[in-house]
Amino acid sequence: MGLIILIVTGALLGWLATIALQIEDGRGILRNVVAGMVGSLGVGLVTSGGVFLGAIKASTLLWAALGAIAVVALYNVVRERAFR
């Protein structure tokens, strides 16, 4: 169950970042959602001690949300610099 929660949290945060950054490109939206999921899963895996198939702690969810935000922000900064 924890795995599903981390995936959904990352996807939602990636989607919300797309709205906040006003990205209209369909591929940009999908990339932000994937970046959010990667960040959430990566940090969630590290902070849960590698076990997140059962219940998930609130602290793990908070760190996973921060990880998703960080990865989405980093992705968008790198993407903007690449197109300049």
Protein backbone atom coordinates (compact mmCIF):
# COMPACT_ATOMS: atom_id res chain seq x y z
CA MET A 1 0.00 0.00 0.00
CA GLY A 2 2.87 2.34 0.77
CA LEU A 3 4.22 1.94 -2.75
CA ILE A 4 0.93 3.06 -4.26
CA ILE A 5 0.74 6.04 -1.91
CA LEU A 6 4.25 7.15 -2.88
CA ILE A 7 3.49 6.83 -6.61
CA VAL A 8 0.23 8.77 -6.31
CA THR A 9 1.85 11.46 -4.15
CA GLY A 10 4.66 11.96 -6.65
CA ALA A 11 2.28 12.04 -9.60
CA LEU A 12 0.02 14.60 -7.93
CA LEU A 13 2.93 16.83 -6.99
CA GLY A 14 4.31 16.63 -10.53
CA TRP A 15 0.90 17.56 -11.91
CA LEU A 16 0.55 20.46 -9.45
CA ALA A 17 4.01 21.70 -10.44
CA THR A 18 2.84 21.71 -14.05
CA ILE A 19 -0.11 23.90 -13.08
CA ALA A 20 2.07 26.24 -10.99
CA LEU A 21 4.64 26.59 -13.78
CA GLN A 22 1.89 27.02 -16.39
CA ILE A 23 3.25 24.36 -18.73
CA GLU A 24 0.88 23.73 -21.63
CA ASP A 25 2.92 21.12 -23.52
CA GLY A 26 1.49 17.62 -23.13
CA ARG A 27 4.94 16.04 -22.95
CA GLY A 28 6.01 18.57 -20.31
CA ILE A 29 3.09 17.55 -18.13
CA LEU A 30 3.95 13.87 -18.43
CA ARG A 31 7.63 14.54 -17.73
CA ASN A 32 6.78 16.46 -14.56
CA VAL A 33 4.50 13.67 -13.37
CA VAL A 34 7.23 11.08 -13.99
CA ALA A 35 9.85 13.29 -12.30
CA GLY A 36 7.55 13.63 -9.28
CA MET A 37 7.05 9.87 -9.09
CA VAL A 38 10.80 9.22 -9.36
CA GLY A 39 11.56 11.73 -6.62
CA SER A 40 8.86 10.41 -4.35
CA LEU A 41 9.84 6.77 -4.81
CA GLY A 42 13.56 7.45 -4.46
CA VAL A 43 13.34 9.44 -1.26
CA GLY A 44 10.55 7.24 0.10
CA LEU A 45 12.71 4.17 -0.40
CA VAL A 46 15.65 5.74 1.41
CA THR A 47 13.67 7.14 4.35
CA SER A 48 11.57 4.02 4.92
CA GLY A 49 14.60 1.78 5.19
CA GLY A 50 13.82 0.00 1.95
CA VAL A 51 10.49 -1.38 3.09
CA PHE A 52 7.36 0.40 1.89
CA LEU A 53 5.09 -2.43 0.78
CA GLY A 54 3.09 -2.24 4.02
CA ALA A 55 2.03 0.81 5.95
CA ILE A 56 3.81 4.10 5.46
CA LYS A 57 4.80 6.57 8.17
CA ALA A 58 3.90 10.25 8.00
CA SER A 59 7.58 11.24 8.12
CA THR A 60 8.31 9.04 5.10
CA LEU A 61 5.42 10.63 3.20
CA LEU A 62 6.66 14.13 4.08
CA TRP A 63 10.20 13.35 2.92
CA ALA A 64 8.85 11.72 -0.23
CA ALA A 65 6.82 14.84 -1.01
CA LEU A 66 9.89 17.02 -0.53
CA GLY A 67 11.89 14.67 -2.75
CA ALA A 68 9.27 14.87 -5.48
CA ILE A 69 9.24 18.66 -5.33
CA ALA A 70 13.03 18.79 -5.46
CA VAL A 71 13.29 16.47 -8.47
CA VAL A 72 10.57 18.33 -10.38
CA ALA A 73 12.23 21.67 -9.64
CA LEU A 74 15.66 20.36 -10.63
CA TYR A 75 14.27 18.87 -13.83
CA ASN A 76 12.62 22.14 -14.83
CA VAL A 77 15.76 24.19 -14.08
CA VAL A 78 17.89 21.85 -16.20
CA ARG A 79 15.28 21.87 -18.97
CA GLU A 80 15.12 25.68 -19.06
CA ARG A 81 18.90 25.99 -19.21
CA ALA A 82 19.13 23.45 -22.01
CA PHE A 83 16.76 25.45 -24.21
CA ARG A 84 18.53 28.78 -23.78
